[in-house]
Amino acid sequence: MRIAIICLDGKAPPNALEDIWRQDLDREYASLEKLYATIIARHMRDGGKLAPVIVCDRNSSLEAMARDLNLPTLPVGGPIAGYARFWRWQRKFPALMLLAIGSKSLRFTRSALRMRGKRTTVPCAAFLLRAPTAGMEGSLALLRHCICGSSFIADKIGSALDKVSAKKIAKHQPELTISPPCLDLEAYKTPAQPFISENGAHFVFGMSSSLLPRSGALQVVRAMGSMWLREELPPWEVRMFGTGPRYQEILSGAQNLGVASRLSILADQPLPYSASMCHAWLAPGTDDNELPETLWCGFASGLPVICSHSPLHRERMQIFPANAALRVDNANPQELARAMIGVMRDHRLRQRLVASAASERQAIGLEAMARRIGDLLESWMPREAGA
């Protein structure tokens, strides 16, 4: 059976992305969705029961990525030409599965389903990073299955589908399955070096997505205010990576608490390299749409991790043993400060955290994610197609 993995760029509505940081975040989401599309297609090509083709925009970065990996592609141009080319291609197959990656691929998927009819087609979608945008309820109701990156995304989709059901537009709702997004472990080839307290070396805490709303950066600043008078601690600093609208707010908070000299607010950096220069990783945020690397980067780099006890983190931490990270209250900077001091002072604690997480490190890699999604898709194949 063939599967069309549809991952299109689409266009943002006018004035929908007014802030530069929102545009940057949208590009980051789009880049990850393209990466996921290629990894899922490669997994299926190399051993799955579904033969993949990637439906992408003509002359897009995804087309180039797929060709570099020797993956079959079906580039489409404008709406009319693109639909016509897909229509000619899909006529060759008596049964076809569709997998829309992200919101911007849903409209094309809906049109593809109309070309074929429901009996010969299994329409699915994957929303691994964020929920569909508003106005997609009708297209969602046509799907049989949705893969959701978190319970938050599943709840958002469920609420949207309830609106469709209330209007009696759809006779059924797609099955919602949770499968978390992951990150590219191949990029984290250089593990972080253990902290050695010699010659005045600084203990470095790192965190990413620091300047975004609900990042937890202000909680870190307040925790730093509780730490800086502790004379028994080694020299230490916090490095905050990322872009966003909260630079001045965070800097002013650090200045008011007298800890600005211990804080480095940095722009987006290659996280595999930046994390390897740190000694512990912080993920204090509570954003339900947090990027996977914000938490997983610390585990991928072999760092001890301190994370908030947010709903998203509780869900994603189920992959690891309970003692793989120190978990702190979302709104308690004193508890965060105690955790940071404990990690700084106790090298055995750092070793235990790193060793506990290392046993499940592969579970947060792209290959593990592709296997999980591949197994789901194969389980949704019609029996006669899998025979």
Protein backbone atom coordinates (compact mmCIF):
# COMPACT_ATOMS: atom_id res chain seq x y z
CA MET A 1 0.00 0.00 0.00
CA ARG A 2 1.24 3.49 -0.81
CA ILE A 3 1.26 6.39 1.62
CA ALA A 4 1.42 10.05 0.60
CA ILE A 5 3.16 12.06 3.32
CA ILE A 6 1.89 15.58 2.69
CA CYS A 7 4.01 18.40 4.12
CA LEU A 8 3.37 21.78 2.51
CA ASP A 9 4.54 25.25 3.48
CA GLY A 10 1.28 27.04 2.85
CA LYS A 11 0.92 30.73 3.62
CA ALA A 12 0.14 32.52 6.85
CA PRO A 13 -3.03 34.65 6.90
CA PRO A 14 -2.41 38.41 6.48
CA ASN A 15 -1.13 40.08 9.65
CA ALA A 16 -1.22 36.76 11.53
CA LEU A 17 2.50 36.90 12.32
CA GLU A 18 3.15 40.50 13.24
CA ASP A 19 6.09 39.93 15.58
CA ILE A 20 9.49 38.82 14.33
CA TRP A 21 9.83 36.27 17.13
CA ARG A 22 6.52 34.69 16.13
CA GLN A 23 7.75 34.43 12.56
CA ASP A 24 10.97 32.81 13.78
CA LEU A 25 8.99 30.34 15.88
CA ASP A 26 6.71 29.50 12.97
CA ARG A 27 9.75 28.80 10.78
CA GLU A 28 11.17 26.56 13.51
CA TYR A 29 7.95 24.57 13.66
CA ALA A 30 7.87 24.28 9.86
CA SER A 31 11.51 23.16 9.73
CA LEU A 32 10.88 20.43 12.30
CA GLU A 33 7.75 19.24 10.48
CA LYS A 34 9.80 18.83 7.30
CA LEU A 35 12.45 16.90 9.21
CA TYR A 36 9.79 14.63 10.69
CA ALA A 37 8.31 14.00 7.23
CA THR A 38 11.68 12.83 5.86
CA ILE A 39 12.46 10.64 8.87
CA ILE A 40 9.05 8.91 8.76
CA ALA A 41 9.39 8.38 4.99
CA ARG A 42 12.92 6.99 5.35
CA HIS A 43 11.82 4.56 8.06
CA MET A 44 8.99 3.26 5.87
CA ARG A 45 11.17 3.01 2.79
CA ASP A 46 13.80 0.98 4.62
CA GLY A 47 11.57 -1.60 6.26
CA GLY A 48 7.90 -0.74 6.57
CA LYS A 49 4.85 -2.16 4.85
CA LEU A 50 3.88 1.22 3.42
CA ALA A 51 5.68 2.61 0.36
CA PRO A 52 6.08 6.37 0.92
CA VAL A 53 6.10 9.40 -1.33
CA ILE A 54 6.55 12.91 0.04
CA VAL A 55 4.14 15.49 -1.36
CA CYS A 56 5.90 18.84 -1.01
CA ASP A 57 6.07 22.30 -2.54
CA ARG A 58 8.04 22.52 -5.77
CA ASN A 59 11.60 23.81 -5.27
CA SER A 60 11.15 23.77 -1.49
CA SER A 61 13.75 22.90 1.14
CA LEU A 62 11.80 19.70 1.84
CA GLU A 63 12.15 18.60 -1.78
CA ALA A 64 15.92 19.11 -1.55
CA MET A 65 16.11 17.24 1.78
CA ALA A 66 14.14 14.31 0.41
CA ARG A 67 16.25 14.04 -2.71
CA ASP A 68 19.44 14.12 -0.65
CA LEU A 69 18.07 11.08 1.23
CA ASN A 70 16.99 9.41 -2.02
CA LEU A 71 13.33 9.52 -0.99
CA PRO A 72 10.55 9.58 -3.60
CA THR A 73 8.87 12.96 -3.93
CA LEU A 74 5.84 14.42 -5.66
CA PRO A 75 6.50 18.18 -5.90
CA VAL A 76 3.37 20.25 -6.48
CA GLY A 77 3.20 23.83 -7.71
CA GLY A 78 0.22 26.16 -7.43
CA PRO A 79 -3.21 24.92 -6.32
CA ILE A 80 -4.53 24.01 -9.81
CA ALA A 81 -1.35 22.48 -11.22
CA GLY A 82 -0.54 20.78 -7.92
CA TYR A 83 -3.95 19.15 -7.60
CA ALA A 84 -3.83 18.03 -11.25
CA ARG A 85 -0.44 16.39 -10.82
CA PHE A 86 -1.53 14.62 -7.65
CA TRP A 87 -4.75 13.50 -9.32
CA ARG A 88 -2.82 11.84 -12.16
CA TRP A 89 -0.44 10.16 -9.70
CA GLN A 90 -3.07 8.81 -7.28
CA ARG A 91 -5.09 7.13 -10.06
CA LYS A 92 -2.45 4.39 -10.21
CA PHE A 93 -3.29 3.03 -6.74
CA PRO A 94 -6.46 1.20 -5.72
CA ALA A 95 -5.74 1.92 -2.04
CA LEU A 96 -3.90 4.90 -0.59
CA MET A 97 -3.10 6.29 2.85
CA LEU A 98 -2.73 10.04 3.34
CA LEU A 99 -0.69 11.55 6.18
CA ALA A 100 -0.90 15.33 6.57
CA ILE A 101 1.98 16.78 8.59
CA GLY A 102 0.79 19.95 10.33
CA SER A 103 -2.08 22.37 9.69
CA LYS A 104 -0.79 23.74 6.40
CA SER A 105 -1.20 20.36 4.71
CA LEU A 106 -4.81 19.76 5.75
CA ARG A 107 -6.50 21.63 2.91
CA PHE A 108 -4.59 19.68 0.26
CA THR A 109 -5.37 16.44 2.09
CA ARG A 110 -9.07 17.27 2.07
CA SER A 111 -8.96 17.85 -1.68
CA ALA A 112 -7.03 14.61 -2.20
CA LEU A 113 -9.69 12.72 -0.28
CA ARG A 114 -12.40 14.16 -2.51
CA MET A 115 -10.54 12.89 -5.57
CA ARG A 116 -10.60 9.32 -4.34
CA GLY A 117 -13.49 8.75 -1.97
CA LYS A 118 -13.43 7.34 1.53
CA ARG A 119 -13.60 3.63 0.72
CA THR A 120 -10.23 3.49 -1.01
CA THR A 121 -8.41 6.01 1.18
CA VAL A 122 -7.21 6.18 4.79
CA PRO A 123 -6.85 9.89 5.66
CA CYS A 124 -4.63 10.64 8.69
CA ALA A 125 -2.80 13.64 10.12
CA ALA A 126 0.06 14.25 12.53
CA PHE A 127 0.13 17.33 14.76
CA LEU A 128 3.31 16.68 16.71
CA LEU A 129 4.26 20.25 17.66
CA ARG A 130 1.09 22.33 17.79
CA ALA A 131 -2.65 22.01 17.40
CA PRO A 132 -4.36 22.84 14.09
CA THR A 133 -5.15 26.47 13.48
CA ALA A 134 -8.71 27.75 13.85
CA GLY A 135 -11.09 27.08 10.99
CA MET A 136 -9.80 23.55 10.28
CA GLU A 137 -12.70 21.73 11.99
CA GLY A 138 -14.31 20.55 8.75
CA SER A 139 -11.07 19.06 7.43
CA LEU A 140 -10.34 17.39 10.77
CA ALA A 141 -13.73 15.69 10.73
CA LEU A 142 -12.84 13.91 7.47
CA LEU A 143 -9.83 12.17 9.00
CA ARG A 144 -9.86 8.67 10.42
CA HIS A 145 -6.83 9.08 12.67
CA CYS A 146 -4.85 11.94 14.24
CA ILE A 147 -1.41 11.55 15.82
CA CYS A 148 -0.98 14.20 18.53
CA GLY A 149 2.32 15.23 20.07
CA SER A 150 0.77 15.79 23.50
CA SER A 151 -2.46 15.52 25.47
CA PHE A 152 -2.82 19.30 25.15
CA ILE A 153 -2.91 19.03 21.35
CA ALA A 154 -5.33 16.10 21.55
CA ASP A 155 -7.65 18.10 23.82
CA LYS A 156 -7.56 21.06 21.41
CA ILE A 157 -8.45 18.81 18.48
CA GLY A 158 -11.17 17.11 20.50
CA SER A 159 -12.73 20.48 21.34
CA ALA A 160 -12.67 21.50 17.67
CA LEU A 161 -14.31 18.23 16.64
CA ASP A 162 -16.99 18.63 19.27
CA LYS A 163 -18.02 21.86 17.53
CA VAL A 164 -18.35 19.97 14.25
CA SER A 165 -20.41 17.24 15.90
CA ALA A 166 -22.66 19.83 17.53
CA LYS A 167 -23.45 21.23 14.08
CA LYS A 168 -24.07 17.67 12.79
CA ILE A 169 -21.55 18.14 9.99
CA ALA A 170 -19.66 14.90 10.69
CA LYS A 171 -20.98 11.43 11.45
CA HIS A 172 -17.83 10.29 13.24
CA GLN A 173 -14.70 11.66 14.88
CA PRO A 174 -11.15 10.57 14.08
CA GLU A 175 -9.27 8.45 16.57
CA LEU A 176 -6.74 10.53 18.51
CA THR A 177 -3.43 8.88 19.47
CA ILE A 178 -0.62 10.53 21.44
CA SER A 179 2.96 10.08 20.27
CA PRO A 180 5.57 12.64 21.41
CA PRO A 181 7.91 14.49 19.03
CA CYS A 182 11.64 13.93 19.37
CA LEU A 183 14.95 15.47 18.34
CA ASP A 184 17.96 14.56 16.23
CA LEU A 185 20.35 12.69 18.50
CA GLU A 186 22.91 12.52 15.69
CA ALA A 187 23.51 16.23 16.18
CA TYR A 188 24.52 15.64 19.81
CA LYS A 189 27.72 13.75 19.12
CA THR A 190 29.81 15.76 21.57
CA PRO A 191 28.66 15.05 25.13
CA ALA A 192 29.02 17.71 27.79
CA GLN A 193 32.10 17.45 30.00
CA PRO A 194 31.66 16.90 33.75
CA PHE A 195 32.23 19.89 35.98
CA ILE A 196 35.66 19.98 37.62
CA SER A 197 36.03 22.60 40.34
CA GLU A 198 39.56 23.74 39.63
CA ASN A 199 41.19 27.09 38.93
CA GLY A 200 37.98 29.01 39.56
CA ALA A 201 35.98 27.19 36.88
CA HIS A 202 32.38 28.36 36.57
CA PHE A 203 29.46 25.98 36.92
CA VAL A 204 27.24 26.77 33.91
CA PHE A 205 23.46 26.29 33.81
CA GLY A 206 21.87 26.43 30.35
CA MET A 207 18.31 26.75 29.08
CA SER A 208 16.71 27.37 25.68
CA SER A 209 13.56 29.14 24.42
CA SER A 210 14.38 31.49 27.27
CA LEU A 211 12.81 34.71 25.99
CA LEU A 212 9.45 33.24 25.00
CA PRO A 213 6.28 33.62 27.08
CA ARG A 214 5.92 31.00 29.85
CA SER A 215 9.59 30.02 29.49
CA GLY A 216 10.19 30.10 33.24
CA ALA A 217 13.11 32.52 32.80
CA LEU A 218 11.84 34.89 35.49
CA GLN A 219 11.62 31.98 37.94
CA VAL A 220 15.27 31.25 37.17
CA VAL A 221 16.21 34.89 37.81
CA ARG A 222 14.39 34.82 41.15
CA ALA A 223 16.13 31.56 42.04
CA MET A 224 19.46 33.19 41.17
CA GLY A 225 18.59 35.97 43.61
CA SER A 226 18.38 33.33 46.36
CA MET A 227 21.72 31.80 45.39
CA TRP A 228 24.14 34.63 44.82
CA LEU A 229 24.95 35.33 48.50
CA ARG A 230 25.84 31.68 49.21
CA GLU A 231 29.59 31.90 49.71
CA GLU A 232 30.16 28.14 49.83
CA LEU A 233 29.12 27.70 46.20
CA PRO A 234 31.63 27.55 43.34
CA PRO A 235 31.52 30.39 40.80
CA TRP A 236 28.44 29.91 38.65
CA GLU A 237 26.44 31.50 35.83
CA VAL A 238 23.25 30.97 33.83
CA ARG A 239 23.15 31.10 30.03
CA MET A 240 19.76 31.73 28.44
CA PHE A 241 19.53 30.90 24.73
CA GLY A 242 16.83 31.89 22.28
CA THR A 243 14.89 34.87 20.95
CA GLY A 244 11.59 36.35 22.02
CA PRO A 245 9.84 39.41 23.46
CA ARG A 246 10.98 39.15 27.11
CA TYR A 247 14.61 40.29 26.92
CA GLN A 248 14.18 43.58 28.77
CA GLU A 249 11.86 42.08 31.38
CA ILE A 250 14.36 39.35 32.23
CA LEU A 251 17.36 41.70 32.21
CA SER A 252 15.57 44.23 34.44
CA GLY A 253 14.63 41.47 36.87
CA ALA A 254 18.25 40.31 37.07
CA GLN A 255 19.48 43.86 37.60
CA ASN A 256 16.95 44.51 40.36
CA LEU A 257 18.07 41.34 42.19
CA GLY A 258 21.76 42.07 41.68
CA VAL A 259 22.49 38.95 39.60
CA ALA A 260 22.89 40.46 36.12
CA SER A 261 26.64 39.75 36.25
CA ARG A 262 25.88 36.04 36.55
CA LEU A 263 23.44 35.98 33.62
CA SER A 264 24.20 35.74 29.90
CA ILE A 265 21.19 36.34 27.62
CA LEU A 266 22.19 34.93 24.26
CA ALA A 267 20.45 34.69 20.91
CA ASP A 268 19.60 31.42 19.19
CA GLN A 269 22.65 29.17 19.18
CA PRO A 270 23.32 25.67 17.80
CA LEU A 271 22.05 23.85 20.89
CA PRO A 272 24.17 20.68 20.48
CA TYR A 273 27.29 22.85 20.78
CA SER A 274 25.91 25.30 23.36
CA ALA A 275 24.64 22.55 25.66
CA SER A 276 27.97 20.73 25.51
CA MET A 277 29.54 23.82 27.14
CA CYS A 278 27.14 23.64 30.11
CA HIS A 279 27.15 21.53 33.28
CA ALA A 280 23.39 21.32 33.95
CA TRP A 281 20.23 21.99 31.95
CA LEU A 282 17.15 23.93 33.05
CA ALA A 283 13.65 23.49 31.63
CA PRO A 284 11.52 25.58 34.00
CA GLY A 285 8.77 26.57 31.55
CA THR A 286 5.06 25.79 31.45
CA ASP A 287 4.26 26.34 27.76
CA ASP A 288 2.00 23.60 26.37
CA ASN A 289 3.53 24.14 22.90
CA GLU A 290 7.14 23.96 24.05
CA LEU A 291 9.63 22.77 21.44
CA PRO A 292 10.98 19.24 22.10
CA GLU A 293 14.60 20.40 22.43
CA THR A 294 13.74 22.75 25.30
CA LEU A 295 13.57 19.71 27.59
CA TRP A 296 15.25 16.95 25.59
CA CYS A 297 18.42 18.92 24.84
CA GLY A 298 19.75 18.30 28.35
CA PHE A 299 19.22 14.54 28.14
CA ALA A 300 20.67 14.38 24.62
CA SER A 301 23.82 16.16 25.83
CA GLY A 302 24.29 13.95 28.88
CA LEU A 303 23.56 16.74 31.37
CA PRO A 304 21.76 16.60 34.71
CA VAL A 305 18.32 18.14 34.12
CA ILE A 306 16.12 20.27 36.37
CA CYS A 307 12.61 20.72 34.97
CA SER A 308 9.28 22.14 36.03
CA HIS A 309 6.43 19.87 36.98
CA SER A 310 4.24 21.22 34.17
CA PRO A 311 1.61 18.99 32.51
CA LEU A 312 3.68 18.74 29.30
CA HIS A 313 6.85 17.84 31.20
CA ARG A 314 5.03 15.24 33.29
CA GLU A 315 3.82 13.63 30.08
CA ARG A 316 7.16 13.73 28.27
CA MET A 317 9.09 12.52 31.30
CA GLN A 318 7.12 9.26 31.29
CA ILE A 319 9.75 8.01 28.83
CA PHE A 320 12.40 8.19 31.57
CA PRO A 321 12.72 6.67 35.04
CA ALA A 322 11.33 8.80 37.86
CA ASN A 323 14.85 9.72 39.07
CA ALA A 324 16.16 10.86 35.68
CA ALA A 325 15.65 14.56 36.51
CA LEU A 326 14.98 16.88 39.42
CA ARG A 327 11.42 18.16 39.13
CA VAL A 328 10.38 21.40 40.80
CA ASP A 329 7.17 23.33 41.36
CA ASN A 330 6.33 25.61 38.45
CA ALA A 331 5.83 28.66 40.68
CA ASN A 332 8.38 28.14 43.45
CA PRO A 333 11.75 29.85 42.77
CA GLN A 334 13.03 28.80 46.21
CA GLU A 335 12.57 25.14 45.30
CA LEU A 336 14.30 25.76 41.98
CA ALA A 337 17.19 27.43 43.80
CA ARG A 338 17.58 24.44 46.14
CA ALA A 339 17.65 22.08 43.16
CA MET A 340 20.27 24.19 41.36
CA ILE A 341 22.43 24.36 44.51
CA GLY A 342 22.10 20.61 45.03
CA VAL A 343 23.20 19.84 41.47
CA MET A 344 26.11 22.28 41.76
CA ARG A 345 27.45 20.92 45.04
CA ASP A 346 26.86 17.18 44.66
CA HIS A 347 28.79 15.48 41.85
CA ARG A 348 27.28 12.12 42.83
CA LEU A 349 23.79 13.52 42.29
CA ARG A 350 24.85 14.75 38.86
CA GLN A 351 26.23 11.31 38.01
CA ARG A 352 23.05 9.56 39.17
CA LEU A 353 20.82 11.84 37.13
CA VAL A 354 22.89 11.40 33.99
CA ALA A 355 23.20 7.61 34.39
CA SER A 356 19.46 7.21 35.01
CA ALA A 357 18.53 9.17 31.89
CA ALA A 358 21.16 7.50 29.69
CA SER A 359 19.33 4.16 29.74
CA GLU A 360 16.39 5.65 27.81
CA ARG A 361 18.23 8.25 25.73
CA GLN A 362 17.46 6.55 22.41
CA ALA A 363 13.72 6.85 23.10
CA ILE A 364 13.86 10.61 22.44
CA GLY A 365 15.58 10.22 19.06
CA LEU A 366 14.03 10.62 15.63
CA GLU A 367 14.40 6.94 14.77
CA ALA A 368 12.39 5.90 17.83
CA MET A 369 9.71 8.45 16.91
CA ALA A 370 9.59 7.16 13.32
CA ARG A 371 9.20 3.57 14.54
CA ARG A 372 6.32 4.50 16.82
CA ILE A 373 4.52 6.42 14.09
CA GLY A 374 5.28 3.76 11.50
CA ASP A 375 3.76 1.06 13.71
CA LEU A 376 0.65 3.18 14.18
CA LEU A 377 0.22 3.80 10.47
CA GLU A 378 0.68 0.13 9.62
CA SER A 379 -1.91 -0.82 12.22
CA TRP A 380 -4.40 1.44 10.43
CA MET A 381 -3.90 -0.22 7.05
CA PRO A 382 -6.97 -2.01 5.65
CA ARG A 383 -6.56 -5.77 6.07
CA GLU A 384 -6.85 -6.46 2.35
CA ALA A 385 -4.12 -3.88 1.63
CA GLY A 386 -1.74 -5.47 4.13
CA ALA A 387 -2.28 -8.99 2.88
